[in-house]
N, C-alpha and C. Protein backbone atom coordinates (compact mmCIF):
# COMPACT_ATOMS: atom_id res chain seq x y z
N MET A 1 1.19 -1.03 0.01
CA MET A 1 -0.08 -0.11 0.00
C MET A 1 0.89 1.43 -0.07
N LYS A 2 0.53 2.24 -1.12
CA LYS A 2 1.40 3.32 -0.57
C LYS A 2 0.91 4.18 0.72
N LYS A 3 1.90 5.22 0.81
CA LYS A 3 1.89 6.02 1.83
C LYS A 3 0.68 6.79 1.97
N GLU A 4 0.36 7.56 0.60
CA GLU A 4 -0.96 8.27 0.64
C GLU A 4 -2.09 7.49 0.74
N GLU A 5 -2.33 6.29 -0.01
CA GLU A 5 -3.27 5.56 0.92
C GLU A 5 -3.43 5.16 2.43
N LEU A 6 -2.44 4.64 2.60
CA LEU A 6 -2.27 4.65 4.12
C LEU A 6 -2.83 5.47 5.02
N VAL A 7 -2.53 7.05 4.48
CA VAL A 7 -2.82 7.97 5.28
C VAL A 7 -4.18 8.57 4.90
N HIS A 8 -4.94 8.06 3.98
CA HIS A 8 -6.36 8.08 3.67
C HIS A 8 -7.01 7.07 4.36
N LEU A 9 -6.42 5.87 4.64
CA LEU A 9 -7.22 4.72 5.61
C LEU A 9 -7.11 5.37 7.18
N HIS A 10 -6.01 5.99 7.46
CA HIS A 10 -5.83 6.31 8.67
C HIS A 10 -6.62 7.79 9.03
N LEU A 11 -7.11 8.36 7.98
CA LEU A 11 -7.83 9.71 8.02
C LEU A 11 -9.31 8.80 8.44
N LEU A 12 -9.67 8.16 7.88
CA LEU A 12 -11.16 7.15 7.73
C LEU A 12 -11.28 6.63 9.56
N LEU A 13 -10.33 5.67 9.35
CA LEU A 13 -10.37 5.24 11.21
C LEU A 13 -10.38 6.63 11.89
N ALA A 14 -9.85 7.60 11.96
CA ALA A 14 -9.61 8.50 12.98
C ALA A 14 -11.28 9.59 13.09
N GLN A 15 -11.85 9.36 11.83
CA GLN A 15 -12.96 9.56 11.53
C GLN A 15 -14.41 9.17 12.54
N LEU A 16 -13.92 7.52 12.12
CA LEU A 16 -14.53 6.63 13.05
C LEU A 16 -14.46 6.64 14.46
N LYS A 17 -13.05 6.99 14.89
CA LYS A 17 -13.02 7.01 16.36
C LYS A 17 -13.34 8.41 17.06
N LYS A 18 -13.71 9.41 16.13
CA LYS A 18 -14.27 10.72 16.63
C LYS A 18 -15.97 10.31 16.77
N HIS A 19 -16.33 9.68 16.16
CA HIS A 19 -17.78 9.45 15.88
C HIS A 19 -18.08 8.49 17.27
N CYS A 20 -17.32 7.46 17.42
CA CYS A 20 -17.40 6.81 18.63
C CYS A 20 -17.13 7.67 19.78
N GLU A 21 -16.49 8.31 20.00
CA GLU A 21 -16.07 9.30 21.08
C GLU A 21 -17.39 10.26 21.62
N GLU A 22 -18.17 10.66 20.27
CA GLU A 22 -18.90 11.69 20.48
C GLU A 22 -20.25 10.78 20.60
N ASN A 23 -20.45 9.68 20.40
CA ASN A 23 -21.44 8.96 20.79
C ASN A 23 -21.59 8.23 21.72
N GLY A 24 -20.24 8.31 22.61
CA GLY A 24 -20.28 7.45 23.80
C GLY A 24 -20.21 6.05 23.77
N ALA A 25 -19.26 5.55 22.68
CA ALA A 25 -19.59 4.00 22.59
C ALA A 25 -18.26 3.21 23.47
N GLY A 26 -17.72 3.90 24.45
CA GLY A 26 -17.02 3.37 25.49
C GLY A 26 -15.80 2.78 24.96
N CYS A 27 -15.03 3.86 24.17
CA CYS A 27 -13.93 2.86 23.58
C CYS A 27 -12.57 3.60 24.52
N ASP A 28 -11.33 2.93 24.15
CA ASP A 28 -10.66 3.48 24.89
C ASP A 28 -9.09 3.76 23.67
N PHE A 29 -9.38 4.61 23.49
CA PHE A 29 -8.43 5.16 22.54
C PHE A 29 -6.71 5.37 22.90
N ALA A 30 -6.42 5.03 24.42
CA ALA A 30 -5.28 5.46 25.03
C ALA A 30 -3.80 4.98 24.15
N LYS A 31 -4.05 3.91 23.59
CA LYS A 31 -2.76 3.38 22.84
C LYS A 31 -2.89 4.46 21.77
N TYR A 32 -3.77 4.39 20.84
CA TYR A 32 -3.59 5.27 19.55
C TYR A 32 -3.04 7.14 20.35
N ASN A 33 -3.74 7.21 21.06
CA ASN A 33 -3.15 9.02 21.32
C ASN A 33 -1.90 8.93 22.12
N ASP A 34 -1.44 7.57 22.36
CA ASP A 34 0.07 7.58 23.06
C ASP A 34 1.29 7.73 21.73
N LEU A 35 0.26 7.27 20.56
CA LEU A 35 1.47 7.35 19.50
C LEU A 35 1.61 8.58 19.12
N GLY A 36 0.69 9.71 19.27
CA GLY A 36 1.13 11.05 19.17
C GLY A 36 1.17 11.23 17.60
N ILE A 37 0.35 10.86 16.69
CA ILE A 37 0.25 10.72 15.46
C ILE A 37 -0.93 10.99 14.74
N SER A 38 -1.58 12.09 14.23
CA SER A 38 -2.60 12.32 13.15
C SER A 38 -2.58 12.28 11.71
N PRO A 39 -3.57 11.97 11.00
CA PRO A 39 -3.59 11.70 9.61
C PRO A 39 -3.38 12.82 9.16
N PHE A 40 -3.36 14.09 9.84
CA PHE A 40 -3.26 15.20 9.17
C PHE A 40 -1.71 15.65 9.31
N GLN A 41 -1.05 14.75 9.74
CA GLN A 41 0.91 14.92 9.81
C GLN A 41 1.17 14.03 8.50
N VAL A 42 1.51 14.32 7.57
CA VAL A 42 1.32 13.64 6.47
C VAL A 42 2.98 13.61 6.35
N HIS A 43 3.53 14.51 6.99
CA HIS A 43 5.42 14.37 6.93
C HIS A 43 5.76 13.39 7.76
N ARG A 44 4.94 13.02 8.43
CA ARG A 44 5.28 11.20 9.50
C ARG A 44 5.64 10.46 8.31
N SER A 45 6.35 9.30 9.07
CA SER A 45 6.65 7.94 8.00
C SER A 45 5.65 7.43 7.91
N LYS A 46 5.55 6.31 7.02
CA LYS A 46 4.46 5.60 6.51
C LYS A 46 4.52 4.45 7.67
N GLU A 47 5.60 4.23 8.22
CA GLU A 47 5.22 3.05 9.55
C GLU A 47 4.76 3.93 10.70
N GLU A 48 4.69 4.76 10.63
CA GLU A 48 4.14 5.50 11.91
C GLU A 48 2.31 5.42 11.39
N HIS A 49 2.56 6.04 10.36
CA HIS A 49 0.82 5.67 10.10
C HIS A 49 0.21 4.30 9.85
N LYS A 50 0.99 3.30 9.81
CA LYS A 50 0.92 1.76 9.87
C LYS A 50 0.67 1.56 11.26
N GLN A 51 1.57 1.91 11.91
CA GLN A 51 0.98 1.46 13.18
C GLN A 51 0.02 2.43 13.72
N ALA A 52 -0.54 3.21 13.54
CA ALA A 52 -1.71 4.17 14.03
C ALA A 52 -3.01 3.25 13.27
N VAL A 53 -2.84 3.20 12.10
CA VAL A 53 -3.99 2.17 11.35
C VAL A 53 -4.16 0.89 12.20
N PHE A 54 -3.24 0.20 12.50
CA PHE A 54 -2.98 -1.11 13.36
C PHE A 54 -3.85 -0.72 14.81
N VAL A 55 -3.65 -0.05 15.18
CA VAL A 55 -3.90 0.53 16.70
C VAL A 55 -5.50 0.73 16.44
N LEU A 56 -5.69 1.58 15.77
CA LEU A 56 -7.22 1.93 15.55
C LEU A 56 -8.13 0.91 15.11
N GLY A 57 -7.73 0.33 14.14
CA GLY A 57 -8.31 -0.87 13.65
C GLY A 57 -8.38 -1.88 14.73
N ALA A 58 -7.65 -2.20 15.56
CA ALA A 58 -8.01 -3.13 16.84
C ALA A 58 -9.24 -2.89 17.49
N GLU A 59 -8.96 -1.53 17.99
CA GLU A 59 -9.80 -1.13 19.12
C GLU A 59 -11.18 -0.67 18.03
N LEU A 60 -11.18 -0.29 17.31
CA LEU A 60 -12.66 -0.49 16.30
C LEU A 60 -13.20 -1.82 16.03
N ALA A 61 -12.32 -2.71 15.87
CA ALA A 61 -12.82 -3.98 15.77
C ALA A 61 -13.65 -4.66 17.11
N SER A 62 -12.53 -4.31 18.26
CA SER A 62 -13.06 -4.99 19.81
C SER A 62 -14.35 -4.44 19.81
N LEU A 63 -14.68 -2.88 19.62
CA LEU A 63 -15.82 -2.53 20.21
C LEU A 63 -17.12 -2.92 18.97
N ALA A 64 -16.57 -3.18 17.96
CA ALA A 64 -17.71 -4.20 17.15
C ALA A 64 -17.88 -5.71 17.61
N ALA A 65 -17.09 -6.11 18.42
CA ALA A 65 -17.14 -7.55 18.52
C ALA A 65 -18.10 -7.56 20.00
N ARG A 66 -18.00 -6.41 20.98
CA ARG A 66 -18.79 -6.59 21.84
C ARG A 66 -20.14 -6.78 21.75
N ASP A 67 -20.71 -7.67 22.84
CA ASP A 67 -21.94 -7.98 22.97
C ASP A 67 -23.15 -6.54 22.89
N ASN A 68 -22.69 -6.00 23.62
CA ASN A 68 -23.69 -4.62 23.83
C ASN A 68 -23.09 -3.45 22.94
N SER A 69 -22.56 -3.83 21.72
CA SER A 69 -22.05 -2.20 20.86
C SER A 69 -23.19 -1.92 20.09
N PRO A 70 -23.46 -0.52 20.34
CA PRO A 70 -24.51 0.16 19.91
C PRO A 70 -24.27 0.19 18.13
N PHE A 71 -23.31 -0.31 17.69
CA PHE A 71 -22.63 -0.18 16.40
C PHE A 71 -23.34 -1.42 15.42
N LEU A 72 -23.88 -2.55 16.38
CA LEU A 72 -23.95 -3.44 15.70
C LEU A 72 -25.57 -3.61 15.05
C-alpha cells in the first residue's frame, strides 16, 4: 500500500474514532493517543501511519465485537 493510501485510511479510521467518542461508545483509544500521530501529519513516516492504522483498527474491531455494541 502506498503512503498516500495509508494516510487516507488513517483519516477514515480517525473519523470513526471521533464518531465513537462523540456518541459515547465506550472506546479506549489510549494506545492510539500515546502514538502522538494524526492523519494530518503527512510528513510522518509510512511506518508511523501504519502503526496508527493497526492500533485504531484493533480498537474499533474490539468495539464491534462486543455484545452490547450500539454499532451492530
